[in-house]
Protein backbone atom coordinates (compact mmCIF):
# COMPACT_ATOMS: atom_id res chain seq x y z
CA MET A 1 120.04 134.23 110.71
CA GLN A 2 117.21 132.66 108.68
CA LYS A 3 116.49 129.16 109.92
CA GLU A 4 115.99 126.44 107.34
CA ILE A 5 112.40 125.22 106.90
CA LEU A 6 111.85 121.68 105.64
CA GLU A 7 108.62 119.84 104.89
CA THR A 8 108.09 116.15 105.51
CA GLN A 9 105.21 113.73 105.93
CA THR A 10 105.70 112.14 109.35
CA VAL A 11 107.90 112.91 112.35
CA VAL A 12 108.27 110.69 115.41
CA ILE A 13 109.74 112.49 118.42
CA GLY A 14 111.77 110.12 120.58
CA ALA A 15 113.91 107.11 119.67
CA GLY A 16 113.14 104.85 122.58
CA VAL A 17 111.68 101.42 122.01
CA VAL A 18 108.13 102.79 121.62
CA GLY A 19 109.16 105.58 119.26
CA LEU A 20 111.20 103.20 117.11
CA ALA A 21 108.36 100.67 117.01
CA ILE A 22 105.91 103.37 115.90
CA ALA A 23 108.32 104.73 113.29
CA ARG A 24 108.95 101.23 111.91
CA ALA A 25 105.22 100.51 111.64
CA LEU A 26 104.50 103.78 109.86
CA ALA A 27 107.45 103.47 107.49
CA ARG A 28 106.39 99.94 106.57
CA ALA A 29 102.89 101.31 105.92
CA GLY A 30 104.30 103.76 103.37
CA HIS A 31 104.96 106.87 105.43
CA ASP A 32 108.04 109.00 104.85
CA VAL A 33 109.33 108.97 108.45
CA ILE A 34 111.93 111.00 110.32
CA VAL A 35 112.70 110.15 113.96
CA LEU A 36 114.07 113.03 116.04
CA GLU A 37 116.11 112.11 119.12
CA SER A 38 117.59 114.67 121.48
CA ALA A 39 120.38 112.38 122.73
CA GLY A 40 123.46 111.19 120.90
CA ARG A 41 122.19 107.59 120.71
CA PHE A 42 118.83 105.90 120.52
CA GLY A 43 117.18 104.33 123.56
CA GLU A 44 119.11 106.19 126.25
CA GLY A 45 116.07 107.17 128.34
CA ILE A 46 113.39 104.95 129.84
CA SER A 47 114.19 102.18 127.35
CA SER A 48 117.69 101.65 128.80
CA ARG A 49 116.67 101.90 132.45
CA ASN A 50 114.16 99.12 133.06
CA SER A 51 114.04 95.45 134.03
CA GLU A 52 113.94 94.15 130.42
CA VAL A 53 110.96 92.00 131.35
CA ILE A 54 108.32 90.79 128.90
CA HIS A 55 105.20 91.10 131.04
CA ALA A 56 102.26 88.73 130.76
CA GLY A 57 99.55 91.37 131.42
CA ILE A 58 98.67 90.49 134.99
CA TYR A 59 98.18 93.60 137.08
CA TYR A 60 96.18 96.00 134.94
CA PRO A 61 92.43 96.68 135.21
CA GLU A 62 90.24 94.90 132.69
CA GLY A 63 89.54 97.09 129.67
CA SER A 64 92.50 99.42 130.26
CA LEU A 65 94.97 100.21 127.51
CA LYS A 66 97.73 98.71 129.64
CA ALA A 67 95.88 95.40 129.83
CA GLU A 68 94.87 95.34 126.17
CA LEU A 69 98.20 96.44 124.72
CA CYS A 70 100.33 94.38 127.10
CA VAL A 71 98.60 91.09 126.27
CA ALA A 72 98.56 91.79 122.53
CA GLY A 73 102.07 93.22 122.61
CA ARG A 74 103.51 90.28 124.54
CA GLN A 75 102.25 87.82 121.96
CA ARG A 76 103.54 89.99 119.11
CA LEU A 77 106.88 90.52 120.83
CA TYR A 78 107.60 86.82 121.31
CA GLU A 79 106.79 86.21 117.64
CA TYR A 80 108.95 89.14 116.60
CA CYS A 81 111.93 87.96 118.67
CA GLN A 82 111.69 84.47 117.26
CA THR A 83 111.53 85.57 113.62
CA ARG A 84 114.10 88.39 113.91
CA LYS A 85 116.50 86.47 116.18
CA VAL A 86 116.33 88.97 119.04
CA ASP A 87 117.69 87.41 122.23
CA HIS A 88 114.97 86.59 124.73
CA ARG A 89 113.84 83.81 127.03
CA LYS A 90 110.38 82.84 128.28
CA CYS A 91 111.59 81.99 131.77
CA GLY A 92 108.34 82.53 133.71
CA LYS A 93 107.97 84.17 137.08
CA TRP A 94 106.68 83.51 140.57
CA ILE A 95 104.65 86.05 142.52
CA VAL A 96 105.07 85.03 146.13
CA ALA A 97 103.15 85.72 149.32
CA ALA A 98 105.66 86.24 152.11
CA ASP A 99 103.14 85.06 154.71
CA GLU A 100 99.54 83.91 154.99
CA SER A 101 98.23 87.46 155.33
CA GLN A 102 99.10 88.01 151.64
CA ASN A 103 97.45 84.85 150.29
CA GLY A 104 94.21 86.68 149.60
CA LYS A 105 96.08 89.28 147.52
CA LEU A 106 97.42 86.51 145.30
CA LYS A 107 93.86 85.32 144.69
CA ASP A 108 92.89 88.86 143.72
CA ILE A 109 95.82 89.07 141.30
CA GLN A 110 94.87 85.73 139.77
CA ALA A 111 91.28 86.87 139.25
CA ALA A 112 92.33 90.19 137.71
CA ALA A 113 94.75 88.42 135.37
CA ALA A 114 92.03 86.00 134.26
CA HIS A 115 89.85 88.95 133.22
CA ASN A 116 92.72 90.00 130.94
CA GLY A 117 92.98 86.50 129.44
CA VAL A 118 96.11 85.60 131.42
CA GLU A 119 96.00 82.28 133.23
CA LEU A 120 98.00 81.98 136.44
CA THR A 121 98.15 78.95 138.71
CA VAL A 122 98.21 79.09 142.51
CA HIS A 123 100.61 76.79 144.32
CA GLU A 124 100.92 76.18 148.02
CA ALA A 125 104.09 76.21 150.09
CA ASP A 126 104.93 72.55 149.47
CA ARG A 127 105.08 73.08 145.68
CA LEU A 128 107.19 76.20 146.10
CA ALA A 129 109.54 74.27 148.36
CA ARG A 130 110.19 71.90 145.46
CA GLU A 131 110.36 74.50 142.70
CA ILE A 132 112.20 77.34 144.45
CA PRO A 133 113.42 75.88 147.76
CA GLU A 134 115.48 78.98 148.62
CA VAL A 135 112.33 81.11 148.75
CA ARG A 136 110.26 81.44 151.91
CA ALA A 137 106.60 81.86 150.96
CA SER A 138 103.20 80.65 152.09
CA SER A 139 101.93 80.43 148.48
CA GLY A 140 102.76 81.62 145.01
CA LEU A 141 101.35 82.39 141.58
CA TRP A 142 103.10 80.95 138.54
CA SER A 143 103.14 83.04 135.35
CA PRO A 144 104.47 80.92 132.46
CA GLU A 145 104.21 83.72 129.87
CA THR A 146 106.63 86.14 131.57
CA GLY A 147 110.07 86.48 130.00
CA ILE A 148 113.17 88.59 129.54
CA ILE A 149 114.56 90.33 126.47
CA ASP A 150 117.63 92.11 125.17
CA SER A 151 116.03 95.54 124.84
CA HIS A 152 119.03 97.03 123.02
CA GLY A 153 118.93 94.18 120.50
CA LEU A 154 115.21 94.80 120.03
CA MET A 155 115.77 98.49 119.33
CA LEU A 156 118.58 97.70 116.89
CA SER A 157 116.22 95.40 115.01
CA LEU A 158 113.42 97.98 114.93
CA LEU A 159 115.84 100.67 113.74
CA GLY A 160 117.17 98.40 111.01
CA GLU A 161 113.68 97.72 109.72
CA LEU A 162 112.80 101.41 109.90
CA GLU A 163 115.81 102.27 107.77
CA ASP A 164 115.12 99.40 105.37
CA ALA A 165 111.65 100.92 104.83
CA GLY A 166 113.17 104.31 104.00
CA GLY A 167 112.89 105.99 107.41
CA GLN A 168 115.73 107.79 109.12
CA LEU A 169 116.90 108.56 112.63
CA VAL A 170 118.35 111.99 113.34
CA LEU A 171 120.28 112.25 116.61
CA ARG A 172 121.12 115.31 118.74
CA SER A 173 117.95 116.96 117.48
CA PRO A 174 115.78 118.11 120.39
CA VAL A 175 112.37 119.57 119.62
CA VAL A 176 112.40 122.87 121.49
CA ALA A 177 109.03 124.25 120.36
CA ALA A 178 105.93 123.05 118.52
CA GLU A 179 102.73 124.48 117.13
CA SER A 180 99.81 123.20 115.07
CA GLU A 181 97.86 125.22 112.55
CA ASN A 182 95.94 124.58 109.31
CA HIS A 183 96.57 120.81 109.26
CA TRP A 184 100.34 121.30 109.62
CA HIS A 185 102.61 120.91 112.61
CA ARG A 186 105.69 123.07 112.92
CA LEU A 187 108.58 121.76 115.01
CA ARG A 188 111.53 123.94 115.92
CA VAL A 189 114.50 121.62 116.16
CA GLY A 190 117.62 122.54 118.13
CA GLY A 191 121.01 120.91 118.16
CA ASP A 192 123.92 121.53 115.81
CA HIS A 193 121.75 122.69 112.90
CA LEU A 194 118.74 124.80 113.83
CA LEU A 195 115.78 124.25 111.54
CA THR A 196 112.00 124.14 111.41
CA LEU A 197 110.22 120.99 110.27
CA LYS A 198 106.70 121.18 108.86
CA ALA A 199 104.97 117.82 109.02
CA LYS A 200 101.53 116.45 108.27
CA ASN A 201 101.84 113.86 111.03
CA VAL A 202 103.69 114.12 114.35
CA ILE A 203 103.89 111.44 117.03
CA ASN A 204 105.12 112.69 120.38
CA ALA A 205 106.79 109.62 121.91
CA ALA A 206 109.37 111.57 123.89
CA GLY A 207 109.09 109.61 127.14
CA LEU A 208 109.78 111.81 130.15
CA ALA A 209 109.85 114.84 127.85
CA ALA A 210 106.47 114.13 126.21
CA VAL A 211 104.39 116.02 128.77
CA PRO A 212 106.64 119.12 128.95
CA LEU A 213 106.65 119.29 125.14
CA ALA A 214 102.86 119.02 124.97
CA ASN A 215 102.38 121.58 127.73
CA ASN A 216 104.15 124.18 125.54
CA TRP A 217 102.53 123.07 122.29
CA VAL A 218 100.86 126.06 120.63
CA GLY A 219 97.41 125.12 119.33
CA LEU A 220 96.93 122.06 121.54
CA PRO A 221 93.86 122.54 123.76
CA ASP A 222 94.74 122.97 127.44
CA GLU A 223 92.62 119.99 128.52
CA TYR A 224 95.03 117.76 126.55
CA LYS A 225 98.07 119.02 128.42
CA PRO A 226 98.38 116.65 131.39
CA ARG A 227 100.38 116.84 134.58
CA GLN A 228 103.22 114.40 135.16
CA TRP A 229 104.91 112.95 138.24
CA PHE A 230 108.27 111.18 138.47
CA ALA A 231 108.64 107.89 140.33
CA ARG A 232 112.28 106.87 140.50
CA GLY A 233 113.22 103.24 140.92
CA ILE A 234 116.75 102.08 141.64
CA TYR A 235 118.34 98.70 141.03
CA PHE A 236 121.00 96.76 142.83
CA SER A 237 122.99 94.10 141.00
CA TYR A 238 124.03 90.85 142.70
CA SER A 239 127.58 89.66 142.13
CA GLY A 240 128.14 86.01 141.39
CA ARG A 241 125.46 83.44 140.74
CA THR A 242 122.07 82.95 142.36
CA PRO A 243 120.07 79.72 142.59
CA PHE A 244 117.21 81.19 140.54
CA LYS A 245 116.26 80.40 136.94
CA THR A 246 112.97 82.33 136.99
CA LEU A 247 111.91 85.80 138.05
CA ILE A 248 110.67 86.29 141.62
CA TYR A 249 108.20 89.05 142.48
CA PRO A 250 106.66 89.91 145.84
CA VAL A 251 103.06 91.09 146.17
CA PRO A 252 102.87 94.55 144.47
CA GLU A 253 103.19 97.78 146.43
CA PRO A 254 101.70 101.22 145.68
CA GLY A 255 103.37 102.78 142.62
CA GLY A 256 105.23 99.66 141.51
CA LEU A 257 105.60 95.91 141.66
CA GLY A 258 107.81 95.74 144.72
CA VAL A 259 111.54 95.00 144.88
CA HIS A 260 111.75 91.94 142.68
CA LEU A 261 114.43 89.71 141.27
CA THR A 262 114.98 89.74 137.54
CA LEU A 263 117.64 88.02 135.48
CA ASP A 264 119.51 89.11 132.41
CA LEU A 265 120.07 86.72 129.53
CA ALA A 266 123.43 85.69 131.02
CA GLY A 267 121.71 84.65 134.24
CA GLN A 268 122.95 87.55 136.36
CA ALA A 269 120.48 88.77 138.98
CA ARG A 270 119.40 92.28 139.80
CA PHE A 271 116.92 93.55 142.35
CA GLY A 272 114.56 96.46 141.94
CA PRO A 273 113.09 98.82 141.22
CA ASP A 274 111.81 100.42 144.38
CA VAL A 275 109.55 103.51 144.33
CA GLU A 276 110.69 107.00 145.29
CA TRP A 277 108.70 110.06 144.24
CA ILE A 278 110.98 112.88 143.06
CA GLU A 279 110.45 116.39 141.71
CA THR A 280 113.00 116.53 138.89
CA GLU A 281 114.79 114.09 136.61
CA ASP A 282 117.54 112.56 138.74
CA TYR A 283 119.18 109.15 138.27
CA THR A 284 121.19 109.14 141.47
CA VAL A 285 121.52 105.71 143.11
CA ASP A 286 121.80 106.13 146.87
CA PRO A 287 123.87 103.23 148.22
CA ASN A 288 122.26 103.78 151.62
CA ARG A 289 119.03 102.30 150.23
CA GLN A 290 120.74 98.93 150.29
CA GLU A 291 119.48 98.24 153.81
CA THR A 292 115.88 98.77 152.70
CA PHE A 293 116.46 96.38 149.81
CA VAL A 294 117.96 93.78 152.12
CA ARG A 295 114.95 93.92 154.46
CA GLY A 296 112.51 93.59 151.60
CA ILE A 297 114.33 90.75 149.84
CA ARG A 298 114.88 88.77 153.01
CA GLN A 299 111.13 88.60 153.54
CA TRP A 300 111.11 85.98 150.79
CA TRP A 301 114.80 85.03 150.34
CA PRO A 302 116.41 84.58 153.76
CA GLY A 303 119.64 83.38 152.16
CA LEU A 304 120.45 86.73 150.57
CA ASP A 305 124.10 87.73 151.07
CA PRO A 306 123.99 91.54 151.44
CA THR A 307 127.72 91.91 150.76
CA ARG A 308 127.05 90.86 147.15
CA LEU A 309 124.55 93.67 146.49
CA GLN A 310 126.03 96.53 144.47
CA PRO A 311 124.37 99.82 143.43
CA ALA A 312 123.54 99.55 139.72
CA TYR A 313 121.33 102.11 137.99
CA ALA A 314 118.08 104.05 138.29
CA GLY A 315 115.06 104.52 136.07
CA ILE A 316 112.17 106.98 136.21
CA ARG A 317 108.53 106.13 135.57
CA PRO A 318 106.55 108.95 133.91
CA LYS A 319 103.40 108.83 136.03
CA LEU A 320 100.09 110.52 135.23
CA ALA A 321 98.98 110.17 138.86
CA GLY A 322 100.87 111.05 142.01
CA PRO A 323 101.59 109.00 145.14
CA ASP A 324 97.92 108.99 146.19
CA GLY A 325 96.42 108.95 142.73
CA GLY A 326 95.91 105.23 142.19
CA PHE A 327 96.04 103.52 138.80
CA ALA A 328 96.82 105.65 135.75
CA ASP A 329 96.48 104.15 132.29
CA PHE A 330 98.52 104.78 129.18
CA ARG A 331 97.24 107.93 127.52
CA ILE A 332 97.43 108.03 123.74
CA ASP A 333 95.66 111.15 122.48
CA GLY A 334 94.88 111.28 118.76
CA PRO A 335 92.99 113.58 116.40
CA GLU A 336 89.61 112.25 117.55
CA ASP A 337 90.49 113.47 121.06
CA HIS A 338 92.10 116.90 120.71
CA GLY A 339 90.89 117.73 117.20
CA LEU A 340 94.31 118.29 115.58
CA PRO A 341 94.68 116.13 112.44
CA GLY A 342 97.84 114.05 112.28
CA LEU A 343 98.97 114.58 115.90
CA VAL A 344 99.32 111.76 118.43
CA ASN A 345 100.64 112.37 121.94
CA LEU A 346 101.77 109.45 124.11
CA PHE A 347 101.78 110.13 127.85
CA GLY A 348 102.52 107.94 130.86
CA ILE A 349 104.19 105.22 128.80
CA GLU A 350 105.83 103.37 131.64
CA SER A 351 105.74 99.61 132.26
CA PRO A 352 104.49 97.64 130.34
CA GLY A 353 105.62 99.95 127.53
CA LEU A 354 108.49 97.70 126.42
CA THR A 355 106.24 94.65 126.25
CA SER A 356 103.50 96.64 124.51
CA CYS A 357 105.66 98.48 121.98
CA LEU A 358 104.51 96.65 118.84
CA ALA A 359 100.86 96.81 119.88
CA ILE A 360 101.22 100.51 120.75
CA ALA A 361 102.66 101.08 117.28
CA ASP A 362 99.62 99.53 115.62
CA PHE A 363 97.31 101.50 117.92
CA VAL A 364 98.98 104.77 116.89
CA LYS A 365 98.91 103.82 113.22
CA ARG A 366 95.14 103.29 113.43
CA LYS A 367 94.70 106.73 114.97
CA LEU A 368 96.31 108.28 111.90
CA ASN A 369 94.09 106.44 109.41
């Protein structure tokens, strides 16, 4: 059967928070935009499986895309939430040293944050005893710019503005093959109605699927087809109330930020994510990991009641470096990189992707100009 072939100006692959932010920005700039999403609803991947934290821009190396886009994105995101009435709260967070051996690491974090334009203040144990008396720590860093957000509400707002600007979201439409030739990009779209889309511009913001799609992209040079690793992080919810009004983070660990306490906008606490390197996409939450969580949390909160911890959900970080690979930055490859006009591939968009989404959108838009 002959498959339908349609032409359009701009296609965004992936309707997570980053894809929707990019599509909104391009539609508002005058592009005719179609967003293709393989799932039956938007934001069901990485965007629905995170801590919903607005990060200040603390941990990332100076000059990295993560540092630049997180700081700019955080400022933009707070402004956006205020003007569009998206639920959020700038609650701040403490990064705590469980004992004196970690005090030096806090100083290092403070210095790195300062290079990114983020001011943190160091407080000794007596100040922490007044501010967060339930926490056992030798010292702590206070981050006043950290917050929390309703990520679903944010995506609803972005989608509404995309549609107001003439863009459209098409669900259950996985891109199963792609090729680039003669300034056009051809996307074979599966789902209920098989068709081929020819587009002048394509933005691959497919999250965990971005690398596999690029690796099979005909016409994309091999050196722009990266390898990807999966780092699963699970969360445990905490029934009932906690005494905390701010976020509490331990000193970071390799691959993540340690098992930390975050709050939702109703004040409910959850702990996580941890770091577990896996081979395939798997969102299983092993209840047996509770004991590891309890040991980690009790290093800084001795009053934890383990009977109130309940398995919640899991997320997967799309990593561009493995367990021993060290820091890996966002990778946003545009025409000036791979030589294909109108194509932008986004790889390794993990945390702080949510915080950075509006800044990432502007960054992508500039690559297409």
